[in-house]
Structure formats: C-alpha cells, structure tokens
Amino acid sequence: MSAPVTVGLDDSPESRAAVEWAAREALLRGLPLKIVHVEEPAPVRLAQSPLWDPGAYRDRAERMVRESVEGVRLRHPGVEVTGERRSGTAADLLGEAAGRAGLLVLGSRGHSALSGFLVGSVSLAVVARAERPVVLVRAGEQAADEHMMDPAGVPSAAAPFRPVVLGLDVDAPDDTLLEFAFAAAALREAPLRAVHAWWVAPTSFHGFYGDDDLYDSLARGQADHLATVLRPWRRKFPDVDVTEATRCGSAAQILVDDARDDASLVVVGRRTRTRPLGAHIGHVTHAALHHIAAPVAVVPHG
C-alpha cells in the first residue's frame, strides 16, 4: 500500500480544517487517509485532582476520532480513511507519523493583527524535524478558497485551482522540492509560479552613470538562471503552465507578497542539516508559515 496522507487531529477549528484539506488531497493523490489524535499526559496538578476522570478523557478522544472518520467517509466517499489514537508527546508522535506518511497535514492557528498567523509550538517542532513534507492549514480554510472565481464572480470549488507558488533558491535548487511543486500543480491542473529573490549590496543603482545597465544585466542573469533550473522540469511536466518570477529584495518578503492573495498552495523548502542548537526551518519558510493564508507545504531536502 502507498504511504497515506496523515493528518493530526485535536478539538480545534484549525485541526478540523486540516482534516478536510487532507481528505481532499488524499482524493487528488489516490491515497488513503489516516487521522491521528495524540493524547498527551494530563498536567500533574490536573491528574492529581479528585475531579480528574482519565476514562472520560479517553472516551472523549475515541469519540472525536470516530466522528472525524465517519464525517470524512460521508463527505468524501472516494477516500479510504482510518483513525488512530495514540498516547504520548504530540510533537514526537506526529513526527514519527510524518516518517511513515507520504504527506503529513497539521492545523495552524488563527490570525494575529500584530504577528500574522500563529503557528503552534507542536506544528513548528514537527516541521523542523520531519523528514517528509508537512502541510500547515489555517483555521477556516475551505475548498473554494483554493479556487478561482466562477463566471458569476463567486469562489467555487468547481472553478479551476489558483496557482501553486514555489519559493525557489536557484543557487541551491533541490530535486525533491521541485518534484513536489510540479507534481502538486499537475494534480490540480493548476499553473505553477516559481518565485526567486536575489539580493545585492544595499547601494543605489541609480546614483551613478551606468548603474541602470548593471542592474538590468544582473536581473537578466538571475532570470536566465531560474529558466535554466526549471527547464528540465518543464520537459518532465509539459502540461504544467509555468510562470517565472525573479525580483530583487528580501526573499521572505517577496514570497509573502507574491503568494498572499491568489495561491492554492505555497511550496517552500527546509534544509535538513542540523545546527548545534537543533533543527531550524529558515527565515523564508518561517515567514511563509506565519504570513501566508494559503496552505503551506514545507518540503525537507538535503
């Protein structure tokens, strides 16, 4: 059996949105869906309380998993779905689940006016350590949000998908990341927009004679580099309509600005090299997780 799409479940709006997204993705990919709920140990003070009833807690968890599985079967009859309840630390067990999954899907918390979207500590920990792709889905995400307007100007899941947006570093392109992005666009019959940011020293190109020509030359070179990286993937996925976008500036800001309004899925990479203080997700991926409303797929690569 192919590795399933696995989704983490808890009693939250973002988790329910993640389950729905995962069910749709499993249907697209022709894969089974596994819903996993992790029961973490009760805090010591709560566990010592005479009012604490571990049996009721366990029954509630079992009911939540069962109802989620039954709901997916009703709403997505083409998806083979199972549920699993585990006990332990959520970050550890979901990280293990990611290793056995083709794709892991997690919920990401609501929006803050000051800091954008709030990515929970469990989700960040799993993303930072997972060796397989992880998708984070916002609370309230609906199928229609990933699609263009219908002829009446209404968002509709019957309309074509919005573009898949790929944040790409052309100086260190990775086949795993490119394969995931192109395959996601092909599954959705959606265009793929590859976004590359390049940076120069913070000096003006307009203060001296000839600087405009230098800037244009650098920009053409970066565009040519991006085209070269994408060329074999265009041949491998000839039906995917690819747009190439290169801009000078902060990679994080450029990706957020590009994908803010019209992406069905945003794909970013995470290097799997660890540092002395542990795994990191990188500032571009961090910005995407916190500021882009569309589902964000984080693809680990070497």
C-alpha atoms as a PDB file:
ATOM      1  CA  MET A   1       0.000   0.000   0.000  1.00  0.00           C
ATOM      2  CA  SER A   2       1.204   3.524  -0.755  1.00  0.00           C
ATOM      3  CA  ALA A   3       2.125   5.730   2.190  1.00  0.00           C
ATOM      4  CA  PRO A   4      -1.007   7.557   3.343  1.00  0.00           C
ATOM      5  CA  VAL A   5      -1.799  11.194   3.763  1.00  0.00           C
ATOM      6  CA  THR A   6      -1.731  11.571   7.553  1.00  0.00           C
ATOM      7  CA  VAL A   7      -3.401  14.390   9.469  1.00  0.00           C
ATOM      8  CA  GLY A   8      -3.135  15.373  13.114  1.00  0.00           C
ATOM      9  CA  LEU A   9      -6.469  15.797  14.883  1.00  0.00           C
ATOM     10  CA  ASP A  10      -7.399  17.708  18.002  1.00  0.00           C
ATOM     11  CA  ASP A  11     -10.515  19.587  19.047  1.00  0.00           C
ATOM     12  CA  SER A  12      -9.772  22.878  17.291  1.00  0.00           C
ATOM     13  CA  PRO A  13     -11.043  24.728  14.189  1.00  0.00           C
ATOM     14  CA  GLU A  14      -7.624  24.578  12.530  1.00  0.00           C
ATOM     15  CA  SER A  15      -7.449  20.824  13.077  1.00  0.00           C
ATOM     16  CA  ARG A  16     -10.866  20.328  11.507  1.00  0.00           C
ATOM     17  CA  ALA A  17      -9.789  22.441   8.519  1.00  0.00           C
ATOM     18  CA  ALA A  18      -6.630  20.330   8.242  1.00  0.00           C
ATOM     19  CA  VAL A  19      -8.690  17.112   8.179  1.00  0.00           C
ATOM     20  CA  GLU A  20     -10.846  18.458   5.359  1.00  0.00           C
ATOM     21  CA  TRP A  21      -7.817  19.612   3.364  1.00  0.00           C
ATOM     22  CA  ALA A  22      -6.083  16.276   3.920  1.00  0.00           C
ATOM     23  CA  ALA A  23      -9.172  14.387   2.716  1.00  0.00           C
ATOM     24  CA  ARG A  24      -9.277  16.455  -0.471  1.00  0.00           C
ATOM     25  CA  GLU A  25      -5.557  15.925  -1.004  1.00  0.00           C
ATOM     26  CA  ALA A  26      -5.856  12.176  -0.441  1.00  0.00           C
ATOM     27  CA  LEU A  27      -8.599  12.074  -3.066  1.00  0.00           C
ATOM     28  CA  LEU A  28      -6.422  14.039  -5.513  1.00  0.00           C
ATOM     29  CA  ARG A  29      -3.472  11.717  -4.957  1.00  0.00           C
ATOM     30  CA  GLY A  30      -5.482   8.497  -4.826  1.00  0.00           C
ATOM     31  CA  LEU A  31      -4.052   7.710  -1.385  1.00  0.00           C
ATOM     32  CA  PRO A  32      -5.604   6.520   1.871  1.00  0.00           C
ATOM     33  CA  LEU A  33      -6.096   8.993   4.698  1.00  0.00           C
ATOM     34  CA  LYS A  34      -5.056   8.351   8.295  1.00  0.00           C
ATOM     35  CA  ILE A  35      -6.382  10.578  11.088  1.00  0.00           C
ATOM     36  CA  VAL A  36      -4.137  10.576  14.167  1.00  0.00           C
ATOM     37  CA  HIS A  37      -5.035  12.002  17.567  1.00  0.00           C
ATOM     38  CA  VAL A  38      -2.365  12.180  20.275  1.00  0.00           C
ATOM     39  CA  GLU A  39      -3.434  12.174  23.911  1.00  0.00           C
ATOM     40  CA  GLU A  40      -0.785  13.996  25.886  1.00  0.00           C
ATOM     41  CA  PRO A  41      -0.331  13.222  29.600  1.00  0.00           C
ATOM     42  CA  ALA A  42      -2.513  15.357  31.844  1.00  0.00           C
ATOM     43  CA  PRO A  43      -0.691  18.083  33.783  1.00  0.00           C
ATOM     44  CA  VAL A  44       0.390  16.841  37.214  1.00  0.00           C
ATOM     45  CA  ARG A  45      -1.999  19.067  39.156  1.00  0.00           C
ATOM     46  CA  LEU A  46      -4.940  18.056  36.980  1.00  0.00           C
ATOM     47  CA  ALA A  47      -4.056  14.368  37.179  1.00  0.00           C
ATOM     48  CA  GLN A  48      -3.957  14.599  40.986  1.00  0.00           C
ATOM     49  CA  SER A  49      -7.328  16.300  41.204  1.00  0.00           C
ATOM     50  CA  PRO A  50     -10.193  14.152  42.554  1.00  0.00           C
ATOM     51  CA  LEU A  51     -12.319  15.509  39.706  1.00  0.00           C
ATOM     52  CA  TRP A  52      -9.978  14.132  37.031  1.00  0.00           C
ATOM     53  CA  ASP A  53     -11.511  11.236  35.150  1.00  0.00           C
ATOM     54  CA  PRO A  54      -8.993   9.652  32.735  1.00  0.00           C
ATOM     55  CA  GLY A  55     -11.665   7.283  31.452  1.00  0.00           C
ATOM     56  CA  ALA A  56     -13.913  10.150  30.379  1.00  0.00           C
ATOM     57  CA  TYR A  57     -10.933  11.859  28.734  1.00  0.00           C
ATOM     58  CA  ARG A  58     -10.119   8.681  26.814  1.00  0.00           C
ATOM     59  CA  ASP A  59     -13.751   8.168  25.789  1.00  0.00           C
ATOM     60  CA  ARG A  60     -13.941  11.724  24.515  1.00  0.00           C
ATOM     61  CA  ALA A  61     -10.780  11.221  22.434  1.00  0.00           C
ATOM     62  CA  GLU A  62     -12.109   7.969  20.976  1.00  0.00           C
ATOM     63  CA  ARG A  63     -15.399   9.640  20.098  1.00  0.00           C
ATOM     64  CA  MET A  64     -13.618  12.561  18.428  1.00  0.00           C
ATOM     65  CA  VAL A  65     -11.552  10.247  16.227  1.00  0.00           C
ATOM     66  CA  ARG A  66     -14.545   8.059  15.375  1.00  0.00           C
ATOM     67  CA  GLU A  67     -16.739  11.039  14.442  1.00  0.00           C
ATOM     68  CA  SER A  68     -13.987  12.573  12.332  1.00  0.00           C
ATOM     69  CA  VAL A  69     -13.507   9.325  10.413  1.00  0.00           C
ATOM     70  CA  GLU A  70     -17.254   8.933   9.885  1.00  0.00           C
ATOM     71  CA  GLY A  71     -17.558  12.534   8.757  1.00  0.00           C
ATOM     72  CA  VAL A  72     -14.819  12.137   6.147  1.00  0.00           C
ATOM     73  CA  ARG A  73     -16.479   8.969   4.826  1.00  0.00           C
ATOM     74  CA  LEU A  74     -19.742  10.847   4.391  1.00  0.00           C
ATOM     75  CA  ARG A  75     -18.260  13.979   2.821  1.00  0.00           C
ATOM     76  CA  HIS A  76     -15.551  12.264   0.743  1.00  0.00           C
ATOM     77  CA  PRO A  77     -16.868   8.787  -0.158  1.00  0.00           C
ATOM     78  CA  GLY A  78     -13.944   8.135  -2.510  1.00  0.00           C
ATOM     79  CA  VAL A  79     -11.361   8.311   0.286  1.00  0.00           C
ATOM     80  CA  GLU A  80     -10.245   5.260   2.269  1.00  0.00           C
ATOM     81  CA  VAL A  81      -9.939   6.629   5.812  1.00  0.00           C
ATOM     82  CA  THR A  82      -8.835   5.181   9.149  1.00  0.00           C
ATOM     83  CA  GLY A  83      -8.352   6.671  12.616  1.00  0.00           C
ATOM     84  CA  GLU A  84      -5.721   6.138  15.248  1.00  0.00           C
ATOM     85  CA  ARG A  85      -5.441   7.294  18.862  1.00  0.00           C
ATOM     86  CA  ARG A  86      -2.020   7.379  20.492  1.00  0.00           C
ATOM     87  CA  SER A  87      -0.713   8.453  23.892  1.00  0.00           C
ATOM     88  CA  GLY A  88       2.448  10.467  24.398  1.00  0.00           C
ATOM     89  CA  THR A  89       4.030  13.751  23.372  1.00  0.00           C
ATOM     90  CA  ALA A  90       2.284  15.235  20.329  1.00  0.00           C
ATOM     91  CA  ALA A  91       5.404  16.651  18.674  1.00  0.00           C
ATOM     92  CA  ASP A  92       7.254  13.322  18.988  1.00  0.00           C
ATOM     93  CA  LEU A  93       4.418  11.072  17.858  1.00  0.00           C
ATOM     94  CA  LEU A  94       3.341  13.296  14.975  1.00  0.00           C
ATOM     95  CA  GLY A  95       6.984  13.493  13.918  1.00  0.00           C
ATOM     96  CA  GLU A  96       7.067   9.685  13.866  1.00  0.00           C
ATOM     97  CA  ALA A  97       3.825   9.658  11.889  1.00  0.00           C
ATOM     98  CA  ALA A  98       5.390  12.001   9.335  1.00  0.00           C
ATOM     99  CA  GLY A  99       8.133   9.454   8.716  1.00  0.00           C
ATOM    100  CA  ARG A 100       5.566   6.809   7.761  1.00  0.00           C
ATOM    101  CA  ALA A 101       3.352   9.141   5.717  1.00  0.00           C
ATOM    102  CA  GLY A 102       3.540  10.324   2.163  1.00  0.00           C
ATOM    103  CA  LEU A 103       2.400  13.690   3.476  1.00  0.00           C
ATOM    104  CA  LEU A 104       1.607  14.997   6.955  1.00  0.00           C
ATOM    105  CA  VAL A 105      -1.047  17.691   7.420  1.00  0.00           C
ATOM    106  CA  LEU A 106      -1.369  19.840  10.541  1.00  0.00           C
ATOM    107  CA  GLY A 107      -3.546  22.741  11.583  1.00  0.00           C
ATOM    108  CA  SER A 108      -2.112  26.210  12.075  1.00  0.00           C
ATOM    109  CA  ARG A 109      -3.721  28.611  14.493  1.00  0.00           C
ATOM    110  CA  GLY A 110      -5.647  31.820  13.886  1.00  0.00           C
ATOM    111  CA  HIS A 111      -4.563  35.284  12.852  1.00  0.00           C
ATOM    112  CA  SER A 112      -2.978  37.986  14.965  1.00  0.00           C
ATOM    113  CA  ALA A 113      -3.048  41.590  13.788  1.00  0.00           C
ATOM    114  CA  LEU A 114       0.489  42.058  15.107  1.00  0.00           C
ATOM    115  CA  SER A 115       2.260  38.889  14.056  1.00  0.00           C
ATOM    116  CA  GLY A 116       0.205  37.341  11.265  1.00  0.00           C
ATOM    117  CA  PHE A 117      -0.808  33.700  11.622  1.00  0.00           C
ATOM    118  CA  LEU A 118       0.125  31.916  14.827  1.00  0.00           C
ATOM    119  CA  VAL A 119       1.927  28.647  14.261  1.00  0.00           C
ATOM    120  CA  GLY A 120       1.676  26.480  17.360  1.00  0.00           C
ATOM    121  CA  SER A 121       4.738  25.041  19.069  1.00  0.00           C
ATOM    122  CA  VAL A 122       3.774  21.465  18.168  1.00  0.00           C
ATOM    123  CA  SER A 123       3.437  22.280  14.471  1.00  0.00           C
ATOM    124  CA  LEU A 124       6.737  24.172  14.425  1.00  0.00           C
ATOM    125  CA  ALA A 125       8.512  21.330  16.214  1.00  0.00           C
ATOM    126  CA  VAL A 126       7.180  18.758  13.741  1.00  0.00           C
ATOM    127  CA  VAL A 127       8.023  20.915  10.709  1.00  0.00           C
ATOM    128  CA  ALA A 128      11.562  21.468  11.998  1.00  0.00           C
ATOM    129  CA  ARG A 129      12.257  17.747  12.414  1.00  0.00           C
ATOM    130  CA  ALA A 130      10.114  15.919   9.853  1.00  0.00           C
ATOM    131  CA  GLU A 131      11.871  14.107   7.038  1.00  0.00           C
ATOM    132  CA  ARG A 132       8.784  14.106   4.806  1.00  0.00           C
ATOM    133  CA  PRO A 133       6.668  17.017   3.512  1.00  0.00           C
ATOM    134  CA  VAL A 134       4.390  18.720   6.040  1.00  0.00           C
ATOM    135  CA  VAL A 135       1.458  20.959   5.083  1.00  0.00           C
ATOM    136  CA  LEU A 136       0.083  23.547   7.504  1.00  0.00           C
ATOM    137  CA  VAL A 137      -3.557  24.573   7.037  1.00  0.00           C
ATOM    138  CA  ARG A 138      -5.278  27.625   8.573  1.00  0.00           C
ATOM    139  CA  ALA A 139      -8.471  27.569  10.557  1.00  0.00           C
ATOM    140  CA  GLY A 140     -11.422  28.275   8.282  1.00  0.00           C
ATOM    141  CA  GLU A 141      -9.682  27.035   5.126  1.00  0.00           C
ATOM    142  CA  GLN A 142     -12.310  25.835   2.644  1.00  0.00           C
ATOM    143  CA  ALA A 143     -12.125  24.122  -0.711  1.00  0.00           C
ATOM    144  CA  ALA A 144     -13.414  27.204  -2.534  1.00  0.00           C
ATOM    145  CA  ASP A 145     -10.574  29.303  -1.111  1.00  0.00           C
ATOM    146  CA  GLU A 146      -8.113  27.389  -3.292  1.00  0.00           C
ATOM    147  CA  HIS A 147     -10.045  28.012  -6.497  1.00  0.00           C
ATOM    148  CA  MET A 148     -10.616  30.936  -8.829  1.00  0.00           C
ATOM    149  CA  MET A 149     -13.916  32.756  -9.120  1.00  0.00           C
ATOM    150  CA  ASP A 150     -16.648  31.145 -11.149  1.00  0.00           C
ATOM    151  CA  PRO A 151     -18.257  33.079 -14.055  1.00  0.00           C
ATOM    152  CA  ALA A 152     -20.601  34.764 -11.573  1.00  0.00           C
ATOM    153  CA  GLY A 153     -17.659  36.084  -9.560  1.00  0.00           C
ATOM    154  CA  VAL A 154     -18.162  33.667  -6.655  1.00  0.00           C
ATOM    155  CA  PRO A 155     -15.346  31.485  -5.231  1.00  0.00           C
ATOM    156  CA  SER A 156     -16.232  27.925  -6.161  1.00  0.00           C
ATOM    157  CA  ALA A 157     -14.561  24.522  -5.829  1.00  0.00           C
ATOM    158  CA  ALA A 158     -15.930  23.810  -9.320  1.00  0.00           C
ATOM    159  CA  ALA A 159     -13.694  26.520 -10.799  1.00  0.00           C
ATOM    160  CA  PRO A 160     -10.024  25.908 -11.719  1.00  0.00           C
ATOM    161  CA  PHE A 161      -7.419  25.903  -8.963  1.00  0.00           C
ATOM    162  CA  ARG A 162      -5.450  29.011  -8.155  1.00  0.00           C
ATOM    163  CA  PRO A 163      -1.708  28.774  -8.908  1.00  0.00           C
ATOM    164  CA  VAL A 164       0.727  26.705  -6.899  1.00  0.00           C
ATOM    165  CA  VAL A 165       3.504  29.058  -5.787  1.00  0.00           C
ATOM    166  CA  LEU A 166       7.036  27.740  -5.346  1.00  0.00           C
ATOM    167  CA  GLY A 167       9.664  29.655  -3.405  1.00  0.00           C
ATOM    168  CA  LEU A 168      12.960  28.645  -5.013  1.00  0.00           C
ATOM    169  CA  ASP A 169      16.619  29.348  -4.314  1.00  0.00           C
ATOM    170  CA  VAL A 170      18.282  28.901  -7.705  1.00  0.00           C
ATOM    171  CA  ASP A 171      21.746  28.817  -6.145  1.00  0.00           C
ATOM    172  CA  ALA A 172      20.839  25.582  -4.352  1.00  0.00           C
ATOM    173  CA  PRO A 173      17.877  24.031  -6.202  1.00  0.00           C
ATOM    174  CA  ASP A 174      16.729  20.662  -4.936  1.00  0.00           C
ATOM    175  CA  ASP A 175      15.020  17.989  -6.988  1.00  0.00           C
ATOM    176  CA  THR A 176      12.785  16.887  -4.100  1.00  0.00           C
ATOM    177  CA  LEU A 177      11.347  20.385  -3.747  1.00  0.00           C
ATOM    178  CA  LEU A 178      10.908  20.877  -7.488  1.00  0.00           C
ATOM    179  CA  GLU A 179       9.298  17.459  -7.931  1.00  0.00           C
ATOM    180  CA  PHE A 180       6.803  18.143  -5.156  1.00  0.00           C
ATOM    181  CA  ALA A 181       5.809  21.555  -6.540  1.00  0.00           C
ATOM    182  CA  PHE A 182       5.434  20.425 -10.149  1.00  0.00           C
ATOM    183  CA  ALA A 183       3.509  17.294  -9.123  1.00  0.00           C
ATOM    184  CA  ALA A 184       1.176  19.367  -6.924  1.00  0.00           C
ATOM    185  CA  ALA A 185       0.450  21.719  -9.825  1.00  0.00           C
ATOM    186  CA  ALA A 186      -0.108  18.791 -12.201  1.00  0.00           C
ATOM    187  CA  LEU A 187      -2.546  17.114  -9.801  1.00  0.00           C
ATOM    188  CA  ARG A 188      -4.541  20.323  -9.569  1.00  0.00           C
ATOM    189  CA  GLU A 189      -4.236  21.123 -13.286  1.00  0.00           C
ATOM    190  CA  ALA A 190      -3.082  24.478 -11.966  1.00  0.00           C
ATOM    191  CA  PRO A 191      -0.370  26.857 -13.141  1.00  0.00           C
ATOM    192  CA  LEU A 192       2.902  26.902 -11.239  1.00  0.00           C
ATOM    193  CA  ARG A 193       4.547  30.211 -10.350  1.00  0.00           C
ATOM    194  CA  ALA A 194       8.214  29.869  -9.425  1.00  0.00           C
ATOM    195  CA  VAL A 195       9.387  32.822  -7.339  1.00  0.00           C
ATOM    196  CA  HIS A 196      13.086  33.573  -6.928  1.00  0.00           C
ATOM    197  CA  ALA A 197      14.507  36.519  -4.992  1.00  0.00           C
ATOM    198  CA  TRP A 198      18.022  37.812  -5.445  1.00  0.00           C
ATOM    199  CA  TRP A 199      19.969  40.259  -3.365  1.00  0.00           C
ATOM    200  CA  VAL A 200      22.667  42.862  -3.991  1.00  0.00           C
ATOM    201  CA  ALA A 201      24.592  45.164  -1.714  1.00  0.00           C
ATOM    202  CA  PRO A 202      22.348  47.906  -0.272  1.00  0.00           C
ATOM    203  CA  THR A 203      23.617  50.667  -2.554  1.00  0.00           C
ATOM    204  CA  SER A 204      21.622  52.594  -5.125  1.00  0.00           C
ATOM    205  CA  PHE A 205      21.855  51.560  -8.754  1.00  0.00           C
ATOM    206  CA  HIS A 206      20.550  54.932  -9.838  1.00  0.00           C
ATOM    207  CA  GLY A 207      23.085  57.371  -8.401  1.00  0.00           C
ATOM    208  CA  PHE A 208      25.833  56.913 -10.955  1.00  0.00           C
ATOM    209  CA  TYR A 209      26.074  56.674 -14.697  1.00  0.00           C
ATOM    210  CA  GLY A 210      25.777  53.118 -15.935  1.00  0.00           C
ATOM    211  CA  ASP A 211      24.137  51.659 -12.828  1.00  0.00           C
ATOM    212  CA  ASP A 212      20.822  51.072 -14.616  1.00  0.00           C
ATOM    213  CA  ASP A 213      22.624  48.921 -17.171  1.00  0.00           C
ATOM    214  CA  LEU A 214      24.371  46.997 -14.396  1.00  0.00           C
ATOM    215  CA  TYR A 215      21.081  46.356 -12.623  1.00  0.00           C
ATOM    216  CA  ASP A 216      19.420  45.187 -15.831  1.00  0.00           C
ATOM    217  CA  SER A 217      22.326  42.862 -16.521  1.00  0.00           C
ATOM    218  CA  LEU A 218      22.101  41.328 -13.045  1.00  0.00           C
ATOM    219  CA  ALA A 219      18.331  40.906 -13.389  1.00  0.00           C
ATOM    220  CA  ARG A 220      18.677  39.179 -16.775  1.00  0.00           C
ATOM    221  CA  GLY A 221      21.322  36.874 -15.347  1.00  0.00           C
ATOM    222  CA  GLN A 222      19.069  35.843 -12.465  1.00  0.00           C
ATOM    223  CA  ALA A 223      16.124  35.282 -14.822  1.00  0.00           C
ATOM    224  CA  ASP A 224      18.303  33.137 -17.088  1.00  0.00           C
ATOM    225  CA  HIS A 225      19.491  31.132 -14.081  1.00  0.00           C
ATOM    226  CA  LEU A 226      15.911  30.464 -12.970  1.00  0.00           C
ATOM    227  CA  ALA A 227      14.926  29.427 -16.506  1.00  0.00           C
ATOM    228  CA  THR A 228      17.862  27.001 -16.634  1.00  0.00           C
ATOM    229  CA  VAL A 229      16.881  25.374 -13.331  1.00  0.00           C
ATOM    230  CA  LEU A 230      13.264  24.948 -14.415  1.00  0.00           C
ATOM    231  CA  ARG A 231      13.915  23.767 -17.975  1.00  0.00           C
ATOM    232  CA  PRO A 232      14.223  20.012 -17.272  1.00  0.00           C
ATOM    233  CA  TRP A 233      11.135  20.132 -15.055  1.00  0.00           C
ATOM    234  CA  ARG A 234       9.137  21.864 -17.762  1.00  0.00           C
ATOM    235  CA  ARG A 235      10.056  18.938 -20.032  1.00  0.00           C
ATOM    236  CA  LYS A 236       9.108  16.396 -17.348  1.00  0.00           C
ATOM    237  CA  PHE A 237       5.735  18.104 -16.709  1.00  0.00           C
ATOM    238  CA  PRO A 238       4.813  19.503 -20.159  1.00  0.00           C
ATOM    239  CA  ASP A 239       1.176  20.115 -19.186  1.00  0.00           C
ATOM    240  CA  VAL A 240       2.055  22.440 -16.286  1.00  0.00           C
ATOM    241  CA  ASP A 241       1.871  26.115 -17.231  1.00  0.00           C
ATOM    242  CA  VAL A 242       4.917  27.701 -15.558  1.00  0.00           C
ATOM    243  CA  THR A 243       5.449  31.375 -14.780  1.00  0.00           C
ATOM    244  CA  GLU A 244       8.911  32.523 -13.735  1.00  0.00           C
ATOM    245  CA  ALA A 245       9.256  35.488 -11.390  1.00  0.00           C
ATOM    246  CA  THR A 246      12.594  36.933 -10.268  1.00  0.00           C
ATOM    247  CA  ARG A 247      12.777  40.015  -8.084  1.00  0.00           C
ATOM    248  CA  CYS A 248      15.484  41.863  -6.203  1.00  0.00           C
ATOM    249  CA  GLY A 249      14.956  42.127  -2.451  1.00  0.00           C
ATOM    250  CA  SER A 250      14.184  40.126   0.669  1.00  0.00           C
ATOM    251  CA  ALA A 251      13.300  36.542  -0.250  1.00  0.00           C
ATOM    252  CA  ALA A 252      10.861  36.225   2.640  1.00  0.00           C
ATOM    253  CA  GLN A 253       9.005  39.447   1.845  1.00  0.00           C
ATOM    254  CA  ILE A 254       8.878  38.782  -1.885  1.00  0.00           C
ATOM    255  CA  LEU A 255       7.419  35.309  -1.400  1.00  0.00           C
ATOM    256  CA  VAL A 256       4.831  36.528   1.120  1.00  0.00           C
ATOM    257  CA  ASP A 257       3.786  39.405  -1.149  1.00  0.00           C
ATOM    258  CA  ASP A 258       3.550  37.142  -4.206  1.00  0.00           C
ATOM    259  CA  ALA A 259       1.529  34.377  -2.543  1.00  0.00           C
ATOM    260  CA  ARG A 260      -0.646  36.469  -0.260  1.00  0.00           C
ATOM    261  CA  ASP A 261      -3.803  36.663  -2.367  1.00  0.00           C
ATOM    262  CA  ASP A 262      -4.067  34.051  -5.112  1.00  0.00           C
ATOM    263  CA  ALA A 263      -2.260  30.803  -4.239  1.00  0.00           C
ATOM    264  CA  SER A 264      -3.949  27.427  -3.808  1.00  0.00           C
ATOM    265  CA  LEU A 265      -0.777  26.023  -2.244  1.00  0.00           C
ATOM    266  CA  VAL A 266       2.613  27.501  -1.389  1.00  0.00           C
ATOM    267  CA  VAL A 267       5.647  25.216  -1.519  1.00  0.00           C
ATOM    268  CA  VAL A 268       8.853  26.034   0.340  1.00  0.00           C
ATOM    269  CA  GLY A 269      11.908  24.034   1.300  1.00  0.00           C
ATOM    270  CA  ARG A 270      13.684  23.287   4.538  1.00  0.00           C
ATOM    271  CA  ARG A 271      17.274  22.113   4.661  1.00  0.00           C
ATOM    272  CA  THR A 272      17.639  19.049   6.839  1.00  0.00           C
ATOM    273  CA  ARG A 273      21.073  19.972   8.140  1.00  0.00           C
ATOM    274  CA  THR A 274      21.007  20.371  11.911  1.00  0.00           C
ATOM    275  CA  ARG A 275      22.813  23.003  13.933  1.00  0.00           C
ATOM    276  CA  PRO A 276      24.269  22.819  17.433  1.00  0.00           C
ATOM    277  CA  LEU A 277      21.044  24.142  18.954  1.00  0.00           C
ATOM    278  CA  GLY A 278      18.812  21.823  16.942  1.00  0.00           C
ATOM    279  CA  ALA A 279      16.917  21.898  13.656  1.00  0.00           C
ATOM    280  CA  HIS A 280      15.827  25.191  12.101  1.00  0.00           C
ATOM    281  CA  ILE A 281      13.228  25.950   9.466  1.00  0.00           C
ATOM    282  CA  GLY A 282      14.876  29.005   7.881  1.00  0.00           C
ATOM    283  CA  HIS A 283      13.639  32.588   7.776  1.00  0.00           C
ATOM    284  CA  VAL A 284      11.834  32.308   4.413  1.00  0.00           C
ATOM    285  CA  THR A 285       9.889  29.224   5.477  1.00  0.00           C
ATOM    286  CA  HIS A 286       9.205  30.823   8.854  1.00  0.00           C
ATOM    287  CA  ALA A 287       7.763  33.913   7.132  1.00  0.00           C
ATOM    288  CA  ALA A 288       5.604  31.775   4.834  1.00  0.00           C
ATOM    289  CA  LEU A 289       4.147  29.836   7.763  1.00  0.00           C
ATOM    290  CA  HIS A 290       3.319  32.991   9.702  1.00  0.00           C
ATOM    291  CA  HIS A 291       2.062  35.319   6.968  1.00  0.00           C
ATOM    292  CA  ILE A 292       0.557  33.368   4.055  1.00  0.00           C
ATOM    293  CA  ALA A 293      -3.103  32.405   4.307  1.00  0.00           C
ATOM    294  CA  ALA A 294      -2.994  29.554   1.783  1.00  0.00           C
ATOM    295  CA  PRO A 295      -1.890  26.077   2.865  1.00  0.00           C
ATOM    296  CA  VAL A 296       1.910  25.951   3.041  1.00  0.00           C
ATOM    297  CA  ALA A 297       3.850  22.780   2.208  1.00  0.00           C
ATOM    298  CA  VAL A 298       7.307  22.527   3.775  1.00  0.00           C
ATOM    299  CA  VAL A 299       9.481  20.058   1.884  1.00  0.00           C
ATOM    300  CA  PRO A 300      12.653  18.871   3.650  1.00  0.00           C
ATOM    301  CA  HIS A 301      15.704  18.319   1.494  1.00  0.00           C
ATOM    302  CA  GLY A 302      19.444  17.847   1.843  1.00  0.00           C
END
